[in-house]
Each structure stands twice: as structure tokens, then as C-alpha cells.
Amino acid sequence: MKYLCLVYGEEKEMGAMTDDACMAYDQALRKAGRCVASEALQPVHTAATVRVREGKVSVRDGPFTETKEYLAGFYLIDAADLNEAVQIASQMPPAHVGSIEVRPVRELTSTSGDRRQV
């Protein structure tokens, strides 16, 4: 089963981390066949939040929520179950300065019965 591990943290603390630890962990996950995809995100000031309400598009600079922690990146992993996904997430370097939200990927099913993971 696929799990999305969302990396959250304070911009100052996340920025102080070296990329080397994250890259080494990512390579280890890939070698073990556990990493489907992973990316770090640009700083929060580069974000835009898009909403469509009653046919009108609004764009707001930055993230939607006002919080000290922001979404810094993600790992899309393969794990047998939630317990294994949590174990993998607990070893991610950003977990030491921020938090990792672990969520199962939901398979979409169309009315025609077609299935697709998004």
C-alpha cells in the first residue's frame, strides 16, 4: 500500500538542516524499494493558494493556513501497513526537527469501475 509522508516544520529549523542527511535517507529508501517519489519544496513565501467558489478563482500568496509549521516536502512510500509506514517515517531526518504526517493514498474509483491511485 502507498503512504504519503508529509514533512512539516518551522522554516528556520528546516532551513538549518543539511540536504545530505535527507538525500542519504532517500537513497536508502529507494534501494530498499520503499520510496516511490520524494521532493523537497521551495520556501513557503513562494507558495500560492488557489480557490474556486461559485465559478470565481481567487489566488492568495503563501499558504492558506497561518501557522509556524509549513509543508516542507514529502515522501511517497510503499509499506505493508500503517505501522510499517510510521516506522519508516520515524527514521526520516526531518522528524527530528519537525513532524511527519503519514496518510494512506486513496484509490479513486470511477462510476464505470475504473480504479486509479492519484
N, C-alpha and C. Protein backbone atom coordinates (compact mmCIF):
# COMPACT_ATOMS: atom_id res chain seq x y z
N MET A 1 0.84 -1.17 0.00
CA MET A 1 0.00 0.00 0.00
C MET A 1 0.89 1.23 0.00
N LYS A 2 0.43 2.28 -0.65
CA LYS A 2 1.19 3.52 -0.70
C LYS A 2 0.75 4.46 0.43
N TYR A 3 1.74 5.14 1.01
CA TYR A 3 1.51 6.13 2.06
C TYR A 3 2.25 7.41 1.70
N LEU A 4 1.59 8.54 1.91
CA LEU A 4 2.22 9.83 1.70
C LEU A 4 2.69 10.35 3.06
N CYS A 5 3.97 10.64 3.16
CA CYS A 5 4.55 11.18 4.38
C CYS A 5 4.83 12.65 4.15
N LEU A 6 4.01 13.50 4.74
CA LEU A 6 4.13 14.95 4.57
C LEU A 6 5.04 15.50 5.66
N VAL A 7 6.07 16.22 5.26
CA VAL A 7 7.07 16.76 6.17
C VAL A 7 6.69 18.19 6.55
N TYR A 8 6.47 18.44 7.84
CA TYR A 8 6.13 19.76 8.35
C TYR A 8 7.19 20.23 9.33
N GLY A 9 7.45 21.52 9.33
CA GLY A 9 8.37 22.07 10.30
C GLY A 9 8.43 23.57 10.21
N GLU A 10 9.14 24.18 11.14
CA GLU A 10 9.34 25.62 11.12
C GLU A 10 10.42 25.93 10.10
N GLU A 11 10.21 26.98 9.32
CA GLU A 11 11.10 27.30 8.22
C GLU A 11 12.56 27.45 8.66
N LYS A 12 12.78 28.10 9.79
CA LYS A 12 14.14 28.32 10.28
C LYS A 12 14.84 26.99 10.60
N GLU A 13 14.15 26.11 11.30
CA GLU A 13 14.74 24.82 11.67
C GLU A 13 14.94 23.92 10.45
N MET A 14 13.97 23.90 9.55
CA MET A 14 14.11 23.09 8.34
C MET A 14 15.25 23.60 7.47
N GLY A 15 15.38 24.93 7.40
CA GLY A 15 16.44 25.52 6.60
C GLY A 15 17.83 25.25 7.16
N ALA A 16 17.91 24.99 8.46
CA ALA A 16 19.20 24.72 9.09
C ALA A 16 19.68 23.29 8.84
N MET A 17 18.79 22.40 8.43
CA MET A 17 19.17 21.02 8.14
C MET A 17 19.97 20.96 6.84
N THR A 18 20.95 20.06 6.80
CA THR A 18 21.67 19.87 5.54
C THR A 18 20.88 18.92 4.65
N ASP A 19 21.03 19.11 3.36
CA ASP A 19 20.36 18.21 2.41
C ASP A 19 20.97 16.82 2.43
N ASP A 20 22.23 16.71 2.87
CA ASP A 20 22.94 15.42 2.83
C ASP A 20 22.21 14.31 3.58
N ALA A 21 21.71 14.60 4.79
CA ALA A 21 21.03 13.57 5.58
C ALA A 21 19.75 13.12 4.89
N CYS A 22 19.00 14.07 4.34
CA CYS A 22 17.75 13.73 3.66
C CYS A 22 18.03 12.93 2.38
N MET A 23 19.06 13.34 1.65
CA MET A 23 19.39 12.64 0.40
C MET A 23 19.88 11.22 0.68
N ALA A 24 20.66 11.03 1.73
CA ALA A 24 21.15 9.70 2.09
C ALA A 24 19.99 8.79 2.50
N TYR A 25 19.05 9.34 3.29
CA TYR A 25 17.90 8.54 3.71
C TYR A 25 17.03 8.18 2.50
N ASP A 26 16.84 9.15 1.61
CA ASP A 26 16.07 8.91 0.39
C ASP A 26 16.69 7.79 -0.44
N GLN A 27 18.00 7.81 -0.61
CA GLN A 27 18.69 6.77 -1.38
C GLN A 27 18.53 5.41 -0.72
N ALA A 28 18.59 5.36 0.61
CA ALA A 28 18.41 4.10 1.32
C ALA A 28 16.99 3.56 1.12
N LEU A 29 15.99 4.45 1.17
CA LEU A 29 14.60 4.03 0.94
C LEU A 29 14.44 3.49 -0.48
N ARG A 30 15.05 4.15 -1.46
CA ARG A 30 14.95 3.71 -2.86
C ARG A 30 15.61 2.36 -3.06
N LYS A 31 16.78 2.16 -2.47
CA LYS A 31 17.48 0.87 -2.58
C LYS A 31 16.66 -0.26 -1.97
N ALA A 32 15.91 0.06 -0.90
CA ALA A 32 15.07 -0.94 -0.24
C ALA A 32 13.74 -1.15 -0.96
N GLY A 33 13.50 -0.37 -2.05
CA GLY A 33 12.26 -0.50 -2.79
C GLY A 33 11.07 0.13 -2.10
N ARG A 34 11.30 1.04 -1.17
CA ARG A 34 10.22 1.64 -0.39
C ARG A 34 9.81 3.01 -0.89
N CYS A 35 10.70 3.74 -1.57
CA CYS A 35 10.41 5.11 -1.99
C CYS A 35 9.87 5.12 -3.41
N VAL A 36 8.65 5.62 -3.56
CA VAL A 36 8.03 5.78 -4.87
C VAL A 36 8.42 7.13 -5.45
N ALA A 37 8.39 8.17 -4.62
CA ALA A 37 8.76 9.53 -5.04
C ALA A 37 9.04 10.35 -3.78
N SER A 38 9.85 11.39 -3.93
CA SER A 38 10.10 12.31 -2.83
C SER A 38 10.59 13.62 -3.42
N GLU A 39 10.24 14.70 -2.76
CA GLU A 39 10.68 16.03 -3.18
C GLU A 39 10.70 16.96 -1.99
N ALA A 40 11.63 17.89 -2.01
CA ALA A 40 11.64 19.00 -1.07
C ALA A 40 10.91 20.15 -1.75
N LEU A 41 10.30 21.01 -0.98
CA LEU A 41 9.57 22.14 -1.54
C LEU A 41 10.32 23.44 -1.30
N GLN A 42 10.10 24.41 -2.17
CA GLN A 42 10.68 25.74 -2.01
C GLN A 42 10.10 26.38 -0.75
N PRO A 43 10.73 27.44 -0.22
CA PRO A 43 10.20 28.10 0.98
C PRO A 43 8.75 28.56 0.81
N VAL A 44 8.08 28.70 1.93
CA VAL A 44 6.65 28.98 1.96
C VAL A 44 6.29 30.30 1.27
N HIS A 45 7.19 31.27 1.26
CA HIS A 45 6.87 32.55 0.62
C HIS A 45 6.72 32.44 -0.89
N THR A 46 7.11 31.30 -1.47
CA THR A 46 6.95 31.10 -2.92
C THR A 46 5.60 30.47 -3.27
N ALA A 47 4.81 30.11 -2.27
CA ALA A 47 3.55 29.39 -2.49
C ALA A 47 2.41 30.33 -2.88
N ALA A 48 1.41 29.74 -3.48
CA ALA A 48 0.14 30.42 -3.78
C ALA A 48 -0.98 29.45 -3.43
N THR A 49 -2.07 29.97 -2.91
CA THR A 49 -3.23 29.15 -2.60
C THR A 49 -4.35 29.54 -3.56
N VAL A 50 -4.90 28.55 -4.25
CA VAL A 50 -5.94 28.77 -5.26
C VAL A 50 -7.26 28.20 -4.76
N ARG A 51 -8.33 28.97 -4.90
CA ARG A 51 -9.68 28.52 -4.56
C ARG A 51 -10.61 28.92 -5.69
N VAL A 52 -11.61 28.08 -5.92
CA VAL A 52 -12.67 28.42 -6.87
C VAL A 52 -13.98 28.30 -6.12
N ARG A 53 -14.72 29.41 -6.06
CA ARG A 53 -16.01 29.45 -5.38
C ARG A 53 -17.00 30.12 -6.31
N GLU A 54 -18.09 29.42 -6.56
CA GLU A 54 -19.14 29.93 -7.44
C GLU A 54 -18.58 30.43 -8.77
N GLY A 55 -17.63 29.65 -9.31
CA GLY A 55 -17.05 29.96 -10.61
C GLY A 55 -15.99 31.04 -10.60
N LYS A 56 -15.69 31.62 -9.45
CA LYS A 56 -14.69 32.69 -9.37
C LYS A 56 -13.40 32.14 -8.76
N VAL A 57 -12.29 32.43 -9.43
CA VAL A 57 -10.98 31.99 -8.97
C VAL A 57 -10.35 33.08 -8.11
N SER A 58 -9.86 32.68 -6.96
CA SER A 58 -9.09 33.61 -6.13
C SER A 58 -7.73 32.97 -5.84
N VAL A 59 -6.71 33.81 -5.87
CA VAL A 59 -5.35 33.36 -5.60
C VAL A 59 -4.80 34.20 -4.46
N ARG A 60 -4.26 33.52 -3.48
CA ARG A 60 -3.67 34.20 -2.32
C ARG A 60 -2.20 33.81 -2.24
N ASP A 61 -1.33 34.78 -2.04
CA ASP A 61 0.08 34.48 -1.87
C ASP A 61 0.28 33.70 -0.58
N GLY A 62 1.18 32.74 -0.63
CA GLY A 62 1.52 31.97 0.55
C GLY A 62 0.54 30.84 0.82
N PRO A 63 0.78 30.13 1.90
CA PRO A 63 -0.11 29.02 2.26
C PRO A 63 -1.43 29.55 2.81
N PHE A 64 -2.43 28.70 2.81
CA PHE A 64 -3.76 29.10 3.29
C PHE A 64 -3.78 29.30 4.80
N THR A 65 -3.15 28.40 5.53
CA THR A 65 -3.21 28.46 6.98
C THR A 65 -2.11 29.36 7.54
N GLU A 66 -2.42 30.00 8.63
CA GLU A 66 -1.44 30.82 9.33
C GLU A 66 -0.87 29.95 10.45
N THR A 67 0.35 29.51 10.28
CA THR A 67 0.96 28.61 11.24
C THR A 67 2.46 28.76 11.20
N LYS A 68 3.14 28.37 12.27
CA LYS A 68 4.60 28.42 12.29
C LYS A 68 5.18 27.28 11.46
N GLU A 69 4.51 26.13 11.48
CA GLU A 69 4.99 24.99 10.70
C GLU A 69 4.39 25.04 9.30
N TYR A 70 5.17 24.63 8.33
CA TYR A 70 4.70 24.62 6.95
C TYR A 70 5.06 23.31 6.30
N LEU A 71 4.45 23.02 5.18
CA LEU A 71 4.75 21.81 4.42
C LEU A 71 6.08 22.00 3.71
N ALA A 72 7.07 21.21 4.06
CA ALA A 72 8.43 21.37 3.55
C ALA A 72 8.75 20.38 2.44
N GLY A 73 8.03 19.26 2.37
CA GLY A 73 8.30 18.25 1.35
C GLY A 73 7.49 17.01 1.62
N PHE A 74 7.79 15.96 0.86
CA PHE A 74 7.05 14.72 1.02
C PHE A 74 7.87 13.52 0.58
N TYR A 75 7.48 12.37 1.09
CA TYR A 75 7.96 11.07 0.62
C TYR A 75 6.71 10.27 0.29
N LEU A 76 6.66 9.66 -0.86
CA LEU A 76 5.60 8.71 -1.20
C LEU A 76 6.25 7.34 -1.10
N ILE A 77 5.77 6.54 -0.14
CA ILE A 77 6.43 5.27 0.15
C ILE A 77 5.49 4.09 -0.05
N ASP A 78 6.07 2.93 -0.18
CA ASP A 78 5.33 1.67 -0.18
C ASP A 78 5.57 1.01 1.17
N ALA A 79 4.52 0.62 1.85
CA ALA A 79 4.63 -0.07 3.13
C ALA A 79 3.51 -1.08 3.24
N ALA A 80 3.73 -2.12 4.02
CA ALA A 80 2.74 -3.19 4.18
C ALA A 80 1.49 -2.69 4.89
N ASP A 81 1.67 -1.79 5.86
CA ASP A 81 0.54 -1.29 6.63
C ASP A 81 0.95 0.02 7.31
N LEU A 82 0.02 0.61 8.06
CA LEU A 82 0.29 1.88 8.72
C LEU A 82 1.44 1.77 9.72
N ASN A 83 1.52 0.67 10.43
CA ASN A 83 2.60 0.50 11.40
C ASN A 83 3.96 0.57 10.73
N GLU A 84 4.11 -0.09 9.60
CA GLU A 84 5.38 -0.05 8.89
C GLU A 84 5.65 1.35 8.33
N ALA A 85 4.61 2.02 7.84
CA ALA A 85 4.77 3.38 7.32
C ALA A 85 5.22 4.33 8.43
N VAL A 86 4.66 4.19 9.62
CA VAL A 86 5.06 5.02 10.76
C VAL A 86 6.51 4.73 11.13
N GLN A 87 6.90 3.48 11.10
CA GLN A 87 8.29 3.11 11.41
C GLN A 87 9.25 3.77 10.41
N ILE A 88 8.90 3.73 9.13
CA ILE A 88 9.73 4.37 8.10
C ILE A 88 9.78 5.87 8.34
N ALA A 89 8.63 6.48 8.61
CA ALA A 89 8.57 7.93 8.83
C ALA A 89 9.37 8.36 10.05
N SER A 90 9.41 7.53 11.06
CA SER A 90 10.12 7.89 12.29
C SER A 90 11.63 7.98 12.07
N GLN A 91 12.12 7.41 10.99
CA GLN A 91 13.54 7.45 10.70
C GLN A 91 13.91 8.56 9.71
N MET A 92 12.93 9.31 9.24
CA MET A 92 13.20 10.40 8.31
C MET A 92 13.88 11.54 9.05
N PRO A 93 14.99 12.06 8.54
CA PRO A 93 15.71 13.13 9.25
C PRO A 93 14.84 14.32 9.66
N PRO A 94 13.90 14.80 8.84
CA PRO A 94 13.10 15.94 9.28
C PRO A 94 12.22 15.66 10.50
N ALA A 95 11.99 14.41 10.84
CA ALA A 95 11.18 14.08 12.02
C ALA A 95 11.85 14.57 13.30
N HIS A 96 13.16 14.82 13.25
CA HIS A 96 13.90 15.27 14.43
C HIS A 96 13.72 16.76 14.71
N VAL A 97 13.29 17.53 13.71
CA VAL A 97 13.09 18.97 13.92
C VAL A 97 11.67 19.42 13.61
N GLY A 98 10.90 18.56 12.98
CA GLY A 98 9.52 18.89 12.61
C GLY A 98 8.62 17.70 12.89
N SER A 99 7.66 17.49 12.02
CA SER A 99 6.77 16.34 12.16
C SER A 99 6.48 15.75 10.79
N ILE A 100 6.10 14.49 10.79
CA ILE A 100 5.77 13.77 9.57
C ILE A 100 4.32 13.29 9.69
N GLU A 101 3.47 13.76 8.80
CA GLU A 101 2.09 13.27 8.75
C GLU A 101 2.05 12.10 7.78
N VAL A 102 1.57 10.95 8.24
CA VAL A 102 1.52 9.74 7.42
C VAL A 102 0.07 9.47 7.05
N ARG A 103 -0.20 9.44 5.73
CA ARG A 103 -1.58 9.22 5.28
C ARG A 103 -1.60 8.19 4.16
N PRO A 104 -2.52 7.22 4.24
CA PRO A 104 -2.66 6.26 3.15
C PRO A 104 -3.16 6.96 1.89
N VAL A 105 -2.66 6.50 0.76
CA VAL A 105 -3.14 7.02 -0.53
C VAL A 105 -4.46 6.33 -0.84
N ARG A 106 -5.45 7.11 -1.21
CA ARG A 106 -6.77 6.58 -1.51
C ARG A 106 -6.90 6.32 -2.99
N GLU A 107 -7.36 5.14 -3.32
CA GLU A 107 -7.60 4.78 -4.71
C GLU A 107 -8.93 5.36 -5.15
N LEU A 108 -8.94 6.05 -6.28
CA LEU A 108 -10.18 6.61 -6.81
C LEU A 108 -10.86 5.59 -7.70
N THR A 109 -12.17 5.52 -7.63
CA THR A 109 -12.94 4.60 -8.46
C THR A 109 -14.00 5.40 -9.20
N SER A 110 -13.98 5.28 -10.52
CA SER A 110 -14.99 5.99 -11.30
C SER A 110 -16.31 5.21 -11.30
N THR A 111 -17.36 5.83 -11.76
CA THR A 111 -18.66 5.15 -11.81
C THR A 111 -18.64 3.98 -12.78
N SER A 112 -17.67 3.96 -13.71
CA SER A 112 -17.55 2.83 -14.64
C SER A 112 -16.75 1.69 -14.06
N GLY A 113 -16.24 1.87 -12.83
CA GLY A 113 -15.48 0.82 -12.17
C GLY A 113 -13.99 0.93 -12.37
N ASP A 114 -13.52 1.89 -13.15
CA ASP A 114 -12.08 2.08 -13.33
C ASP A 114 -11.48 2.55 -12.01
N ARG A 115 -10.28 2.05 -11.71
CA ARG A 115 -9.59 2.43 -10.47
C ARG A 115 -8.29 3.12 -10.83
N ARG A 116 -7.95 4.08 -10.01
CA ARG A 116 -6.70 4.80 -10.23
C ARG A 116 -6.23 5.41 -8.92
N GLN A 117 -4.95 5.24 -8.61
CA GLN A 117 -4.37 5.92 -7.46
C GLN A 117 -3.86 7.27 -7.95
N VAL A 118 -4.14 8.30 -7.17
CA VAL A 118 -3.69 9.64 -7.53
C VAL A 118 -2.75 10.15 -6.48
